[in-house]
Amino acid sequence: MAVLRHLSAMTKYFACAKSHRTSCFISKKTLNHVPSPQSVWPLIGHAHLFFPMGPYKLERLTDAVMDLSRQLGPVFKLRLNGADIVVTVDADDTRTMFRHEGRLPYRPPFPAVQHYRQKTFGSIGIVPGNGEEWYKYRAAILPLLRTSVVKAYADQHMQVARNFVDYIQMKMDEISSDIMTDVCQHLFKYTIEAISVTSLGVQFCDVAAPNSREHVTKDIINASTDFMDGLYKTMIGFPLWKFYRTRGYRQIESSHECFRRILENTLQEMKYRYKNSPEQIASAHPFLAALFDNPTLEWKDIIMLGLETFAGGIDATATTMAMTFHYLAINPAVQQQAYQEALGQGSVQEMSFLRACIKETLRLSSTAGANSRVLASDANIGGYLIPAGTLVSAFNSVTSLDEKYFVEPLKYQPERWLRDSSARKGHPFASLPFGYGPRMCPGQRLAEQQMVLLLAEVLRKYKLESAQQTPDPVGMVYRMNRVPDRPINLCFRNRGIQERQPVKLT
């Protein structure tokens, strides 16, 4: 019996070591010992830190977390909405958090969106969902992560990218100038056209064609902005939307109605058109074919997943491209290297430096501020035993700027992402702009393809320069996703007549 007890104890010891749980090692350091700002107000906890007269602004939450981590260390807790939130800016802790997320990773829901969708559509989709219902929708959208599915849209994405290059020239001709103001707003038109190829099965509009459904495009841009703004407002404030339709809740309503109006008719038409041609739709529109053929989905679910794919592919992609253009404009040597690769005839997969440019943009200016999970089991976060059921937020937007993980972390240095680079360093969990694990962004590969193709096309024709002689830094503020804190104005200097190089898409 003594031997059995010894073996049992050893088994538990190694199980604890493997899973990074601390109950075997640090029994005295618990959630109660995690550092925290001293001033806790009754009922509101640390929310006062973000009041108008407080030291921090919610729209600059990443800056607040960075400052608090300097004061309190890489792991600290905040008490908000009556519950403790453990915040970490340590990459090892981020890995631990994901290893303890469980089979059905739970993240903070978006209750206002969930309420509206359930009431109006009878289907909530992926974004606000958790549990088994989330798992069903997540499984249905997994085709977006297949390389073969993404490549099926490459030809159309290439055409959309070339349309946008023509659109830039059209705008330059209209104003007799090579300066484009607020580039991000123009890029919305590109991302709408690019994502519609996948989520609608049609090229929704042609940005280079004058008056090509311009009014509808404006409606979609407004709806995308309202959706993110409504999400943000209903998340950070008191849930007054439960009692009356607040402005944030009305923005969620109006944006959904706009998206639904566009998607429902188009998807119904697509389904009818290919009703008797399953092979044709599987070849031309593999993502829609996967949704239409999924026996677990009702029509309302298909509409909701199409809506989420459409809405999710607009805002963050436009922001990332605007910031990439900005970084290349103020780093001419990097831009020249990217231009040389764009001139080549390699495949999309071989454009390693262009991909590295986008990764570096997402490291410096990630559109996602943090990854958050409710722990499914006890976990060692920074040496503290954090019990299951606790919300942990790993601030990727802070970790990715830490010199502990990246040499010269504030420098735009895409080569750090190349395999043979001497500057390559880092931690696999130090920069996670698309998340990680089962709840990572399913549109990651699709977005990367759209961005690489556009970047190559733009660089072939234009040299990018800042419209300012001494460019001001561009920060990021929260509007649910993080967006530039000021308009990005750029010069698109025509490189001269360049014959478009064919790009191998496979």
Protein backbone atom coordinates (compact mmCIF):
# COMPACT_ATOMS: atom_id res chain seq x y z
CA MET A 1 0.00 0.00 0.00
CA ALA A 2 2.86 2.37 0.79
CA VAL A 3 4.32 1.73 -2.67
CA LEU A 4 0.96 2.47 -4.30
CA ARG A 5 0.63 5.68 -2.32
CA HIS A 6 4.16 6.66 -3.42
CA LEU A 7 3.39 5.92 -7.08
CA SER A 8 0.16 7.86 -6.81
CA ALA A 9 1.98 10.85 -5.35
CA MET A 10 4.63 10.71 -8.10
CA THR A 11 1.95 10.53 -10.79
CA LYS A 12 0.24 13.59 -9.35
CA TYR A 13 3.62 15.38 -9.16
CA PHE A 14 4.42 14.89 -12.83
CA ALA A 15 0.85 15.64 -13.88
CA CYS A 16 1.10 18.97 -12.08
CA ALA A 17 4.46 19.75 -13.67
CA LYS A 18 3.20 18.93 -17.13
CA SER A 19 0.05 21.04 -16.88
CA HIS A 20 1.76 23.96 -15.07
CA ARG A 21 -0.72 23.72 -12.22
CA THR A 22 0.64 25.01 -8.94
CA SER A 23 -1.41 23.36 -6.22
CA CYS A 24 1.54 20.96 -5.66
CA PHE A 25 4.11 23.73 -5.41
CA ILE A 26 2.77 27.12 -4.38
CA SER A 27 -0.11 26.55 -2.06
CA LYS A 28 0.26 29.95 -0.35
CA LYS A 29 0.13 32.17 -3.47
CA THR A 30 -3.47 32.28 -4.60
CA LEU A 31 -5.80 34.65 -6.39
CA ASN A 32 -5.99 36.75 -3.23
CA HIS A 33 -2.24 37.39 -3.42
CA VAL A 34 -2.20 38.67 -7.01
CA PRO A 35 -1.13 42.37 -7.00
CA SER A 36 -3.89 44.86 -7.58
CA PRO A 37 -4.31 48.65 -7.62
CA GLN A 38 -4.95 49.72 -4.04
CA SER A 39 -7.95 51.98 -4.54
CA VAL A 40 -11.01 49.75 -4.78
CA TRP A 41 -14.34 51.55 -4.63
CA PRO A 42 -17.45 49.83 -3.28
CA LEU A 43 -19.62 48.26 -6.00
CA ILE A 44 -17.56 49.58 -8.93
CA GLY A 45 -14.17 48.13 -7.96
CA HIS A 46 -11.46 49.58 -10.22
CA ALA A 47 -13.82 51.04 -12.81
CA HIS A 48 -13.09 54.51 -11.42
CA LEU A 49 -9.61 54.27 -12.93
CA PHE A 50 -11.27 54.72 -16.31
CA PHE A 51 -13.72 57.47 -15.35
CA PRO A 52 -13.35 60.86 -17.13
CA MET A 53 -11.25 62.22 -14.25
CA GLY A 54 -9.35 58.96 -13.76
CA PRO A 55 -5.76 58.27 -14.83
CA TYR A 56 -6.68 56.04 -17.79
CA LYS A 57 -8.95 56.04 -20.83
CA LEU A 58 -10.81 52.93 -21.91
CA GLU A 59 -10.06 53.67 -25.53
CA ARG A 60 -6.36 53.50 -24.57
CA LEU A 61 -6.73 50.28 -22.59
CA THR A 62 -3.50 48.79 -23.91
CA ASP A 63 -1.57 51.83 -22.64
CA ALA A 64 -3.31 51.47 -19.27
CA VAL A 65 -2.36 47.80 -18.98
CA MET A 66 1.22 48.60 -19.96
CA ASP A 67 1.45 51.25 -17.24
CA LEU A 68 -0.18 49.05 -14.59
CA SER A 69 2.19 46.18 -15.43
CA ARG A 70 5.15 48.50 -14.82
CA GLN A 71 3.76 49.32 -11.38
CA LEU A 72 2.43 45.92 -10.32
CA GLY A 73 4.38 43.40 -12.37
CA PRO A 74 3.47 41.22 -15.38
CA VAL A 75 0.46 39.71 -13.59
CA PHE A 76 -2.15 41.74 -11.72
CA LYS A 77 -5.87 41.75 -11.16
CA LEU A 78 -8.64 44.25 -11.61
CA ARG A 79 -12.07 44.09 -10.03
CA LEU A 80 -14.69 45.09 -12.58
CA ASN A 81 -18.43 44.40 -12.66
CA GLY A 82 -18.20 42.62 -9.33
CA ALA A 83 -15.64 40.03 -10.47
CA ASP A 84 -11.87 39.66 -10.52
CA ILE A 85 -10.06 39.70 -13.85
CA VAL A 86 -6.49 38.44 -13.89
CA VAL A 87 -4.42 40.38 -16.43
CA THR A 88 -1.10 39.11 -17.75
CA VAL A 89 1.46 40.50 -20.18
CA ASP A 90 3.71 37.44 -19.98
CA ALA A 91 3.91 35.07 -22.97
CA ASP A 92 4.39 31.97 -20.79
CA ASP A 93 1.21 32.84 -18.92
CA THR A 94 -0.59 33.31 -22.22
CA ARG A 95 0.40 29.78 -23.19
CA THR A 96 -0.76 28.49 -19.82
CA MET A 97 -4.11 30.24 -20.20
CA PHE A 98 -4.73 28.54 -23.55
CA ARG A 99 -3.68 25.17 -22.16
CA HIS A 100 -6.38 25.51 -19.53
CA GLU A 101 -9.21 26.70 -21.76
CA GLY A 102 -10.83 23.27 -22.01
CA ARG A 103 -12.67 21.53 -24.86
CA LEU A 104 -15.22 24.34 -25.16
CA PRO A 105 -13.20 27.53 -24.60
CA TYR A 106 -15.29 30.15 -22.84
CA ARG A 107 -14.62 33.82 -23.40
CA PRO A 108 -16.64 36.82 -22.24
CA PRO A 109 -19.84 36.91 -24.30
CA PHE A 110 -21.38 39.91 -26.00
CA PRO A 111 -24.74 39.82 -24.19
CA ALA A 112 -26.42 42.62 -26.14
CA VAL A 113 -25.56 40.98 -29.48
CA GLN A 114 -26.58 37.57 -28.17
CA HIS A 115 -29.90 38.94 -26.95
CA TYR A 116 -30.68 40.72 -30.21
CA ARG A 117 -29.70 37.81 -32.46
CA GLN A 118 -31.63 35.25 -30.45
CA LYS A 119 -34.72 37.43 -30.41
CA THR A 120 -34.57 38.52 -34.06
CA PHE A 121 -32.83 35.70 -35.93
CA GLY A 122 -33.18 32.72 -33.62
CA SER A 123 -29.46 32.08 -34.19
CA ILE A 124 -26.52 33.65 -32.38
CA GLY A 125 -23.52 32.58 -34.48
CA ILE A 126 -19.90 32.28 -33.38
CA VAL A 127 -18.91 35.69 -32.02
CA PRO A 128 -21.14 35.94 -28.91
CA GLY A 129 -21.60 32.20 -28.41
CA ASN A 130 -20.12 29.71 -25.96
CA GLY A 131 -20.57 26.06 -25.13
CA GLU A 132 -22.07 23.40 -27.39
CA GLU A 133 -23.97 25.93 -29.50
CA TRP A 134 -20.72 27.76 -30.29
CA TYR A 135 -19.05 24.44 -31.11
CA LYS A 136 -21.68 23.61 -33.72
CA TYR A 137 -21.20 26.92 -35.52
CA ARG A 138 -17.43 26.75 -35.22
CA ALA A 139 -17.33 23.30 -36.80
CA ALA A 140 -19.47 24.59 -39.68
CA ILE A 141 -17.08 27.43 -40.50
CA LEU A 142 -13.86 25.39 -40.34
CA PRO A 143 -13.60 25.09 -44.15
CA LEU A 144 -12.24 28.66 -44.11
CA LEU A 145 -9.07 27.30 -42.54
CA ARG A 146 -8.44 24.81 -45.35
CA THR A 147 -5.71 25.87 -47.76
CA SER A 148 -7.62 24.43 -50.72
CA VAL A 149 -10.69 26.52 -49.92
CA VAL A 150 -8.69 29.74 -49.54
CA LYS A 151 -6.78 29.14 -52.80
CA ALA A 152 -10.07 28.66 -54.64
CA TYR A 153 -10.71 32.40 -54.19
CA ALA A 154 -7.21 33.58 -55.15
CA ASP A 155 -8.02 34.48 -58.77
CA GLN A 156 -10.98 36.59 -57.69
CA HIS A 157 -9.00 38.22 -54.90
CA MET A 158 -6.29 39.10 -57.41
CA GLN A 159 -8.87 40.80 -59.61
CA VAL A 160 -10.29 42.70 -56.65
CA ALA A 161 -6.77 43.87 -55.73
CA ARG A 162 -6.21 45.12 -59.27
CA ASN A 163 -9.57 46.85 -59.18
CA PHE A 164 -8.45 48.71 -56.09
CA VAL A 165 -5.20 49.82 -57.73
CA ASP A 166 -7.32 51.22 -60.56
CA TYR A 167 -9.55 52.86 -57.97
CA ILE A 168 -6.54 54.62 -56.44
CA GLN A 169 -5.61 55.99 -59.86
CA MET A 170 -9.21 57.07 -60.44
CA LYS A 171 -9.20 59.00 -57.16
CA MET A 172 -5.85 60.60 -57.98
CA ASP A 173 -7.23 61.75 -61.33
CA GLU A 174 -10.37 63.15 -59.72
CA ILE A 175 -8.49 65.43 -57.34
CA SER A 176 -5.41 66.04 -59.53
CA SER A 177 -3.19 65.01 -56.64
CA ASP A 178 -1.33 61.91 -55.52
CA ILE A 179 -2.39 62.35 -51.88
CA MET A 180 -5.12 60.08 -50.55
CA THR A 181 -6.59 61.22 -47.25
CA ASP A 182 -7.88 58.79 -44.64
CA VAL A 183 -6.66 55.72 -46.48
CA CYS A 184 -8.49 53.38 -44.11
CA GLN A 185 -11.89 54.62 -45.27
CA HIS A 186 -10.96 53.87 -48.88
CA LEU A 187 -9.67 50.44 -47.91
CA PHE A 188 -13.09 49.56 -46.53
CA LYS A 189 -14.24 49.47 -50.15
CA TYR A 190 -11.53 46.96 -50.98
CA THR A 191 -12.30 44.69 -48.03
CA ILE A 192 -16.04 44.75 -48.77
CA GLU A 193 -15.39 43.69 -52.33
CA ALA A 194 -12.85 41.03 -51.31
CA ILE A 195 -14.91 39.41 -48.54
CA SER A 196 -18.10 39.41 -50.62
CA VAL A 197 -16.39 37.00 -53.02
CA THR A 198 -16.29 34.43 -50.21
CA SER A 199 -19.30 35.16 -48.00
CA LEU A 200 -21.75 36.08 -50.79
CA GLY A 201 -20.32 34.15 -53.68
CA VAL A 202 -20.40 37.23 -55.90
CA GLN A 203 -18.24 40.27 -56.42
CA PHE A 204 -20.52 42.66 -54.63
CA CYS A 205 -19.31 45.79 -56.36
CA ASP A 206 -16.46 47.08 -58.52
CA VAL A 207 -14.62 49.87 -56.72
CA ALA A 208 -12.99 51.04 -59.94
CA ALA A 209 -16.34 51.46 -61.71
CA PRO A 210 -17.96 54.88 -61.08
CA ASN A 211 -21.35 54.71 -59.36
CA SER A 212 -21.04 50.94 -58.90
CA ARG A 213 -23.60 50.57 -56.09
CA GLU A 214 -21.80 53.35 -54.25
CA HIS A 215 -24.74 54.09 -51.96
CA VAL A 216 -24.92 50.45 -50.83
CA THR A 217 -21.17 50.38 -50.20
CA LYS A 218 -21.55 53.46 -47.98
CA ASP A 219 -24.36 51.73 -46.10
CA ILE A 220 -22.12 48.72 -45.48
CA ILE A 221 -19.22 50.86 -44.28
CA ASN A 222 -21.55 52.68 -41.90
CA ALA A 223 -23.03 49.38 -40.72
CA SER A 224 -19.58 47.92 -40.08
CA THR A 225 -18.58 50.97 -38.05
CA ASP A 226 -21.89 50.95 -36.15
CA PHE A 227 -21.57 47.26 -35.39
CA MET A 228 -18.13 47.65 -33.80
CA ASP A 229 -19.18 50.84 -32.02
CA GLY A 230 -22.35 49.23 -30.71
CA LEU A 231 -20.42 46.20 -29.47
CA TYR A 232 -18.01 48.48 -27.64
CA LYS A 233 -20.69 50.65 -26.04
CA THR A 234 -22.81 47.76 -24.82
CA MET A 235 -19.74 45.99 -23.42
CA ILE A 236 -18.09 48.78 -21.44
CA GLY A 237 -21.12 50.53 -19.97
CA PHE A 238 -23.84 49.52 -17.55
CA PRO A 239 -26.29 47.12 -19.29
CA LEU A 240 -29.00 49.74 -19.65
CA TRP A 241 -29.91 48.17 -23.00
CA LYS A 242 -31.75 45.52 -20.99
CA PHE A 243 -34.28 48.16 -19.99
CA TYR A 244 -34.45 50.38 -23.05
CA ARG A 245 -32.89 50.56 -26.50
CA THR A 246 -29.71 52.54 -25.89
CA ARG A 247 -27.75 54.11 -28.74
CA GLY A 248 -25.29 51.22 -28.69
CA TYR A 249 -28.10 48.67 -28.91
CA ARG A 250 -29.74 50.57 -31.77
CA GLN A 251 -26.41 50.51 -33.62
CA ILE A 252 -26.32 46.72 -33.26
CA GLU A 253 -29.88 46.54 -34.58
CA SER A 254 -29.35 48.79 -37.60
CA SER A 255 -26.05 47.17 -38.61
CA HIS A 256 -27.55 43.69 -38.49
CA GLU A 257 -30.54 44.74 -40.55
CA CYS A 258 -28.26 46.23 -43.19
CA PHE A 259 -26.13 43.09 -43.41
CA ARG A 260 -29.17 40.81 -43.37
CA ARG A 261 -30.87 42.74 -46.17
CA ILE A 262 -27.84 42.24 -48.41
CA LEU A 263 -27.00 38.66 -47.49
CA GLU A 264 -30.37 36.96 -47.38
CA ASN A 265 -31.43 37.73 -50.95
CA THR A 266 -27.98 37.05 -52.39
CA LEU A 267 -27.51 33.74 -50.60
CA GLN A 268 -31.02 32.60 -51.50
CA GLU A 269 -30.28 33.34 -55.13
CA MET A 270 -26.95 31.48 -54.94
CA LYS A 271 -28.59 28.43 -53.42
CA TYR A 272 -31.30 28.36 -56.07
CA ARG A 273 -28.84 28.90 -58.93
CA TYR A 274 -26.67 25.95 -57.96
CA LYS A 275 -29.45 23.71 -56.68
CA ASN A 276 -28.88 21.16 -59.44
CA SER A 277 -25.12 21.76 -59.83
CA PRO A 278 -23.42 20.60 -56.62
CA GLU A 279 -20.08 20.02 -58.34
CA GLN A 280 -20.09 23.51 -59.83
CA ILE A 281 -20.78 25.31 -56.55
CA ALA A 282 -18.23 23.15 -54.72
CA SER A 283 -15.60 24.22 -57.26
CA ALA A 284 -16.52 27.90 -57.61
CA HIS A 285 -17.79 28.63 -54.10
CA PRO A 286 -16.44 25.97 -51.71
CA PHE A 287 -17.23 27.90 -48.52
CA LEU A 288 -20.89 28.42 -49.43
CA ALA A 289 -21.13 24.82 -50.63
CA ALA A 290 -19.92 23.66 -47.21
CA LEU A 291 -22.59 25.77 -45.49
CA PHE A 292 -25.41 24.73 -47.83
CA ASP A 293 -24.53 21.03 -47.49
CA ASN A 294 -24.13 21.04 -43.70
CA PRO A 295 -27.01 18.97 -42.24
CA THR A 296 -26.63 20.55 -38.79
CA LEU A 297 -27.45 24.05 -40.05
CA GLU A 298 -30.86 25.58 -40.59
CA TRP A 299 -31.29 28.42 -43.08
CA LYS A 300 -31.20 31.01 -40.26
CA ASP A 301 -27.84 29.59 -39.18
CA ILE A 302 -26.44 29.87 -42.70
CA ILE A 303 -27.55 33.50 -42.88
CA MET A 304 -25.92 34.22 -39.52
CA LEU A 305 -22.62 32.55 -40.43
CA GLY A 306 -22.58 34.37 -43.76
CA LEU A 307 -23.25 37.61 -41.90
CA GLU A 308 -20.43 37.01 -39.43
CA THR A 309 -17.98 36.15 -42.19
CA PHE A 310 -18.98 39.24 -44.15
CA ALA A 311 -18.92 41.67 -41.21
CA GLY A 312 -15.75 40.16 -39.74
CA GLY A 313 -13.80 40.57 -42.96
CA ILE A 314 -14.22 44.33 -43.32
CA ASP A 315 -12.93 46.32 -40.36
CA ALA A 316 -9.76 44.57 -39.15
CA THR A 317 -8.40 43.86 -42.63
CA ALA A 318 -8.81 47.49 -43.71
CA THR A 319 -7.06 48.70 -40.55
CA THR A 320 -4.16 46.26 -40.99
CA MET A 321 -3.64 47.30 -44.60
CA ALA A 322 -3.76 51.02 -43.74
CA MET A 323 -1.16 50.53 -41.01
CA THR A 324 1.03 48.42 -43.32
CA PHE A 325 0.97 51.15 -45.96
CA HIS A 326 1.86 53.66 -43.22
CA TYR A 327 4.82 51.64 -41.94
CA LEU A 328 6.17 51.09 -45.45
CA ALA A 329 5.80 54.80 -46.25
CA ILE A 330 7.98 55.79 -43.29
CA ASN A 331 10.48 52.95 -43.80
CA PRO A 332 11.65 53.36 -47.43
CA ALA A 333 14.36 50.68 -47.22
CA VAL A 334 11.80 48.12 -46.07
CA GLN A 335 9.42 49.28 -48.79
CA GLN A 336 12.10 48.82 -51.44
CA GLN A 337 12.70 45.25 -50.34
CA ALA A 338 8.97 44.57 -50.42
CA TYR A 339 8.74 46.16 -53.87
CA GLN A 340 11.50 43.92 -55.23
CA GLU A 341 9.65 40.85 -54.03
CA ALA A 342 6.36 42.16 -55.48
CA LEU A 343 8.02 42.46 -58.90
CA GLY A 344 8.92 38.78 -58.89
CA GLN A 345 6.78 36.01 -60.27
CA GLY A 346 6.69 33.81 -57.20
CA SER A 347 3.52 32.30 -55.87
CA VAL A 348 1.52 33.95 -53.13
CA GLN A 349 2.98 31.44 -50.69
CA GLU A 350 6.50 32.41 -51.77
CA MET A 351 6.01 36.11 -51.02
CA SER A 352 7.60 35.61 -47.63
CA PHE A 353 8.72 39.20 -47.12
CA LEU A 354 5.28 40.64 -47.93
CA ARG A 355 3.77 38.21 -45.45
CA ALA A 356 6.42 39.27 -42.94
CA CYS A 357 5.44 42.93 -43.44
CA ILE A 358 1.85 42.11 -42.49
CA LYS A 359 2.95 40.05 -39.48
CA GLU A 360 5.12 42.92 -38.30
CA THR A 361 2.23 45.36 -38.66
CA LEU A 362 0.06 43.06 -36.58
CA ARG A 363 2.79 42.81 -33.95
CA LEU A 364 3.15 46.58 -33.63
CA SER A 365 -0.48 47.54 -34.21
CA SER A 366 -2.65 44.52 -33.60
CA THR A 367 -6.35 45.11 -34.17
CA ALA A 368 -7.04 42.78 -31.22
CA GLY A 369 -5.97 44.04 -27.82
CA ALA A 370 -6.15 40.85 -25.79
CA ASN A 371 -7.14 37.20 -25.71
CA SER A 372 -9.41 36.31 -22.81
CA ARG A 373 -10.58 32.98 -21.43
CA VAL A 374 -12.46 31.73 -18.39
CA LEU A 375 -10.20 28.98 -17.03
CA ALA A 376 -11.63 25.49 -17.30
CA SER A 377 -9.22 24.22 -14.64
CA ASP A 378 -6.86 25.62 -12.02
CA ALA A 379 -3.74 27.14 -13.55
CA ASN A 380 -0.39 28.60 -12.53
CA ILE A 381 -0.48 32.16 -13.86
CA GLY A 382 2.70 34.01 -12.93
CA GLY A 383 3.29 31.80 -9.89
CA TYR A 384 -0.23 32.22 -8.52
CA LEU A 385 -2.77 29.43 -8.27
CA ILE A 386 -5.71 30.83 -10.22
CA PRO A 387 -8.86 28.75 -9.75
CA ALA A 388 -11.08 27.43 -12.50
CA GLY A 389 -13.86 29.84 -13.41
CA THR A 390 -11.61 32.92 -13.25
CA LEU A 391 -11.41 35.24 -16.24
CA VAL A 392 -7.84 35.72 -17.49
CA SER A 393 -6.95 38.37 -20.09
CA ALA A 394 -3.61 38.01 -21.87
CA PHE A 395 -2.77 41.37 -23.45
CA ASN A 396 -1.14 40.42 -26.71
CA SER A 397 -0.93 44.12 -27.66
CA VAL A 398 1.46 44.69 -24.71
CA THR A 399 3.41 41.43 -24.86
CA SER A 400 4.22 41.93 -28.53
CA LEU A 401 6.04 45.19 -27.70
CA ASP A 402 8.21 43.73 -24.94
CA GLU A 403 11.98 43.69 -25.50
CA LYS A 404 12.00 40.44 -23.54
CA TYR A 405 10.58 38.79 -26.65
CA PHE A 406 11.62 41.02 -29.56
CA VAL A 407 14.88 42.84 -30.32
CA GLU A 408 14.20 46.56 -30.76
CA PRO A 409 10.48 45.97 -30.25
CA LEU A 410 9.34 49.42 -31.40
CA LYS A 411 11.15 49.14 -34.73
CA TYR A 412 9.32 48.02 -37.87
CA GLN A 413 11.51 45.10 -38.84
CA PRO A 414 9.66 42.52 -40.99
CA GLU A 415 12.78 40.38 -41.46
CA ARG A 416 12.41 39.22 -37.87
CA TRP A 417 9.64 36.92 -39.20
CA LEU A 418 11.84 35.29 -41.85
CA ARG A 419 13.13 31.84 -40.95
CA ASP A 420 16.78 32.50 -41.82
CA SER A 421 16.96 35.93 -40.18
CA SER A 422 19.52 36.69 -37.47
CA ALA A 423 16.95 39.05 -35.95
CA ARG A 424 14.47 36.23 -35.49
CA LYS A 425 13.62 35.87 -31.85
CA GLY A 426 10.49 35.84 -29.84
CA HIS A 427 8.09 33.51 -28.18
CA PRO A 428 5.33 31.60 -29.99
CA PHE A 429 2.74 33.20 -27.71
CA ALA A 430 4.16 36.75 -27.70
CA SER A 431 2.24 37.94 -30.76
CA LEU A 432 -1.16 36.37 -31.42
CA PRO A 433 -3.18 38.87 -33.47
CA PHE A 434 -5.54 36.14 -34.70
CA GLY A 435 -5.80 34.36 -31.37
CA TYR A 436 -4.96 30.72 -30.78
CA GLY A 437 -6.62 27.35 -30.51
CA PRO A 438 -10.23 26.48 -31.28
CA ARG A 439 -11.34 30.11 -30.95
CA MET A 440 -8.68 31.61 -33.19
CA CYS A 441 -9.98 33.76 -36.05
CA PRO A 442 -11.22 31.33 -38.74
CA GLY A 443 -10.67 33.94 -41.44
CA GLN A 444 -6.92 34.27 -40.82
CA ARG A 445 -5.71 32.58 -44.02
CA LEU A 446 -8.36 34.28 -46.12
CA ALA A 447 -7.40 37.72 -44.76
CA GLU A 448 -3.69 37.05 -45.26
CA GLN A 449 -4.28 36.12 -48.89
CA GLN A 450 -6.32 39.28 -49.51
CA MET A 451 -3.68 41.47 -47.86
CA VAL A 452 -0.64 39.96 -49.58
CA LEU A 453 -2.24 40.23 -53.02
CA LEU A 454 -3.26 43.85 -52.46
CA LEU A 455 0.13 44.80 -51.06
CA ALA A 456 1.91 43.31 -54.07
CA GLU A 457 -0.38 45.06 -56.57
CA VAL A 458 -0.11 48.46 -54.90
CA LEU A 459 3.69 48.32 -54.61
CA ARG A 460 4.08 47.36 -58.26
CA LYS A 461 2.46 50.61 -59.33
CA TYR A 462 3.03 53.06 -56.48
CA LYS A 463 5.77 54.22 -54.18
CA LEU A 464 4.25 55.05 -50.81
CA GLU A 465 5.19 58.22 -48.93
CA SER A 466 3.72 59.96 -45.94
CA ALA A 467 1.72 63.09 -46.75
CA GLN A 468 3.54 64.76 -43.81
CA GLN A 469 7.12 65.92 -44.07
CA THR A 470 7.68 64.71 -40.52
CA PRO A 471 5.15 61.94 -39.96
CA ASP A 472 3.52 61.80 -36.54
CA PRO A 473 3.31 58.40 -34.84
CA VAL A 474 0.02 56.59 -35.36
CA GLY A 475 -1.37 55.03 -32.20
CA MET A 476 -4.29 52.67 -31.73
CA VAL A 477 -7.57 53.22 -29.91
CA TYR A 478 -10.35 50.80 -29.06
CA ARG A 479 -13.59 50.71 -31.01
CA MET A 480 -14.08 47.05 -30.05
CA ASN A 481 -11.29 46.29 -32.51
CA ARG A 482 -8.32 48.64 -32.28
CA VAL A 483 -8.18 51.26 -35.02
CA PRO A 484 -5.75 54.11 -35.88
CA ASP A 485 -6.09 57.10 -33.58
CA ARG A 486 -5.92 59.53 -36.49
CA PRO A 487 -6.54 59.50 -40.25
CA ILE A 488 -3.65 58.11 -42.28
CA ASN A 489 -2.87 60.32 -45.28
CA LEU A 490 -0.47 58.96 -47.88
CA CYS A 491 1.11 59.91 -51.20
CA PHE A 492 0.85 57.29 -53.94
CA ARG A 493 3.72 58.14 -56.29
CA ASN A 494 3.22 56.46 -59.63
CA ARG A 495 6.32 54.42 -60.47
CA GLY A 496 5.58 54.80 -64.18
CA ILE A 497 3.94 52.38 -66.57
CA GLN A 498 4.56 48.96 -65.16
CA GLU A 499 3.49 45.84 -66.99
CA ARG A 500 1.49 43.75 -64.60
CA GLN A 501 3.40 40.64 -63.76
CA PRO A 502 1.45 37.40 -63.72
CA VAL A 503 1.30 35.93 -60.25
CA LYS A 504 1.18 32.22 -59.74
CA LEU A 505 -1.68 31.57 -57.37
CA THR A 506 -1.00 27.97 -56.57
